[in-house]
């Protein structure tokens, strides 16, 4: 059984709360030009598909927590060949895309908070992955965190 720390639970709990708040329809809207709304929705759909593919790529190694499972292997194929955290990337594309599409300041704010949370969550997760997998440092050096060209 994988031993999880309080930080694991705090990070996942915060993420879950942000997801719930994102779904609440309260808002002071902002105007987005119509020609920008369709691409925003497209980004959101692409992000959702990236999340699904990332989940399938992880298969049995999948866990919501930053601490990797005891009996898991390091996944460096599929989307993980291009980015270290494609599920987070997909969530961010979905969240930001839908925030612009729905012209929602609250959703845009939650998207920014998710980006900040995922930055800190991935730092912690990567410490755990480096401890578990000696080859993680080389993988990290050649693979982007969220987006391949950044």
Protein backbone atom coordinates (compact mmCIF):
# COMPACT_ATOMS: atom_id res chain seq x y z
CA UNK A 1 0.00 0.00 0.00
CA UNK A 2 1.27 3.45 -0.93
CA UNK A 3 1.94 5.71 2.06
CA UNK A 4 0.48 9.13 1.47
CA UNK A 5 1.36 12.26 3.40
CA UNK A 6 -0.89 15.07 4.55
CA UNK A 7 0.47 17.08 1.63
CA UNK A 8 -0.94 14.47 -0.80
CA UNK A 9 -4.39 14.85 0.71
CA UNK A 10 -4.15 18.65 0.90
CA UNK A 11 -3.16 18.98 -2.77
CA UNK A 12 -5.86 16.61 -4.04
CA UNK A 13 -8.48 18.11 -1.71
CA UNK A 14 -7.69 21.64 -2.90
CA UNK A 15 -7.88 20.48 -6.51
CA UNK A 16 -11.27 18.84 -5.88
CA UNK A 17 -12.63 22.00 -4.20
CA UNK A 18 -11.44 24.15 -7.13
CA UNK A 19 -13.17 21.76 -9.56
CA UNK A 20 -16.40 22.05 -7.58
CA UNK A 21 -16.23 25.86 -7.44
CA UNK A 22 -15.55 25.92 -11.19
CA UNK A 23 -18.89 24.20 -11.78
CA UNK A 24 -20.93 26.67 -9.71
CA UNK A 25 -22.74 29.09 -12.05
CA UNK A 26 -22.10 32.41 -10.29
CA UNK A 27 -20.45 35.18 -12.14
CA UNK A 28 -19.64 38.62 -13.25
CA UNK A 29 -19.09 37.99 -16.93
CA UNK A 30 -16.76 39.63 -19.38
CA UNK A 31 -17.06 40.09 -23.11
CA UNK A 32 -15.12 37.89 -25.49
CA UNK A 33 -15.31 38.55 -29.22
CA UNK A 34 -17.37 35.93 -31.07
CA UNK A 35 -14.41 35.02 -33.30
CA UNK A 36 -12.49 34.06 -30.14
CA UNK A 37 -15.26 32.03 -28.50
CA UNK A 38 -15.24 29.14 -31.00
CA UNK A 39 -11.47 28.55 -30.74
CA UNK A 40 -11.84 28.69 -26.95
CA UNK A 41 -14.44 25.94 -27.07
CA UNK A 42 -12.19 23.97 -29.42
CA UNK A 43 -9.28 24.29 -26.94
CA UNK A 44 -11.60 23.05 -24.22
CA UNK A 45 -12.63 19.99 -26.23
CA UNK A 46 -9.02 19.23 -27.19
CA UNK A 47 -8.04 19.56 -23.53
CA UNK A 48 -10.73 17.08 -22.51
CA UNK A 49 -9.48 14.60 -25.13
CA UNK A 50 -5.91 15.04 -23.85
CA UNK A 51 -7.13 14.22 -20.33
CA UNK A 52 -8.79 11.01 -21.59
CA UNK A 53 -5.72 9.90 -23.56
CA UNK A 54 -3.45 10.71 -20.59
CA UNK A 55 -5.66 8.61 -18.31
CA UNK A 56 -5.49 5.67 -20.72
CA UNK A 57 -1.70 6.09 -21.07
CA UNK A 58 -1.25 5.80 -17.30
CA UNK A 59 -3.44 2.71 -17.07
CA UNK A 60 -2.63 0.91 -13.79
CA UNK A 61 -0.21 3.64 -12.64
CA UNK A 62 -3.11 6.10 -12.40
CA UNK A 63 -3.64 7.77 -9.03
CA UNK A 64 -5.15 11.12 -8.07
CA UNK A 65 -2.38 11.58 -5.52
CA UNK A 66 1.08 12.99 -6.25
CA UNK A 67 2.80 10.04 -4.56
CA UNK A 68 3.20 7.24 -7.12
CA UNK A 69 1.78 3.79 -6.49
CA UNK A 70 4.19 1.22 -5.05
CA UNK A 71 3.88 -1.27 -7.89
CA UNK A 72 3.79 1.22 -10.77
CA UNK A 73 6.26 1.85 -13.57
CA UNK A 74 7.41 5.20 -14.92
CA UNK A 75 5.35 5.99 -18.02
CA UNK A 76 7.32 7.81 -20.73
CA UNK A 77 5.34 6.79 -23.82
CA UNK A 78 2.17 8.07 -25.44
CA UNK A 79 1.48 11.67 -24.44
CA UNK A 80 4.07 11.28 -21.68
CA UNK A 81 6.73 11.23 -24.39
CA UNK A 82 5.95 14.92 -25.05
CA UNK A 83 4.95 16.29 -21.64
CA UNK A 84 5.44 15.06 -18.09
CA UNK A 85 1.91 15.94 -16.94
CA UNK A 86 -0.51 15.68 -19.88
CA UNK A 87 -3.57 15.20 -17.67
CA UNK A 88 -2.89 18.51 -15.94
CA UNK A 89 -2.22 20.08 -19.36
CA UNK A 90 -5.57 18.85 -20.62
CA UNK A 91 -7.38 20.06 -17.52
CA UNK A 92 -5.80 23.51 -17.94
CA UNK A 93 -6.74 23.70 -21.63
CA UNK A 94 -10.28 22.62 -20.78
CA UNK A 95 -10.62 25.02 -17.87
CA UNK A 96 -9.16 28.08 -19.62
CA UNK A 97 -10.93 27.33 -22.90
CA UNK A 98 -14.33 26.95 -21.28
CA UNK A 99 -13.76 29.99 -19.06
CA UNK A 100 -13.26 32.14 -22.18
CA UNK A 101 -16.09 30.44 -24.05
CA UNK A 102 -18.51 30.99 -21.16
CA UNK A 103 -17.14 34.51 -20.60
CA UNK A 104 -16.75 33.77 -16.90
CA UNK A 105 -14.43 35.71 -14.63
CA UNK A 106 -14.91 33.19 -11.81
CA UNK A 107 -13.97 30.28 -14.09
CA UNK A 108 -10.98 32.20 -15.41
CA UNK A 109 -9.89 32.90 -11.83
CA UNK A 110 -10.28 29.21 -10.90
CA UNK A 111 -8.28 28.28 -14.01
CA UNK A 112 -5.42 30.51 -12.87
CA UNK A 113 -5.62 28.99 -9.37
CA UNK A 114 -5.51 25.50 -10.92
CA UNK A 115 -2.41 26.47 -12.89
CA UNK A 116 -0.72 27.65 -9.70
CA UNK A 117 -1.85 24.54 -7.79
CA UNK A 118 -0.65 22.22 -10.58
CA UNK A 119 2.74 23.96 -10.58
CA UNK A 120 3.22 23.23 -6.88
CA UNK A 121 1.60 19.80 -7.11
CA UNK A 122 3.94 18.79 -9.94
CA UNK A 123 6.99 20.02 -8.01
CA UNK A 124 5.99 17.76 -5.12
CA UNK A 125 5.04 14.89 -7.43
CA UNK A 126 8.35 15.12 -9.25
CA UNK A 127 10.26 14.92 -5.97
CA UNK A 128 8.40 11.67 -5.27
CA UNK A 129 8.97 10.36 -8.80
CA UNK A 130 12.69 11.16 -8.60
CA UNK A 131 12.95 9.20 -5.37
CA UNK A 132 11.15 6.20 -6.84
CA UNK A 133 12.62 6.17 -10.36
CA UNK A 134 16.36 6.85 -10.85
CA UNK A 135 15.74 7.58 -14.55
CA UNK A 136 13.24 10.37 -13.80
CA UNK A 137 15.92 13.11 -13.84
CA UNK A 138 16.87 12.32 -17.45
CA UNK A 139 13.19 12.12 -18.44
CA UNK A 140 12.54 15.47 -16.76
CA UNK A 141 15.50 17.08 -18.56
CA UNK A 142 14.21 16.10 -22.02
CA UNK A 143 10.45 16.49 -21.51
CA UNK A 144 8.40 19.66 -20.90
CA UNK A 145 6.21 19.98 -17.81
CA UNK A 146 2.80 20.96 -19.28
CA UNK A 147 3.20 21.96 -22.92
CA UNK A 148 5.77 20.60 -25.41
CA UNK A 149 7.06 23.94 -26.65
CA UNK A 150 7.29 25.73 -23.28
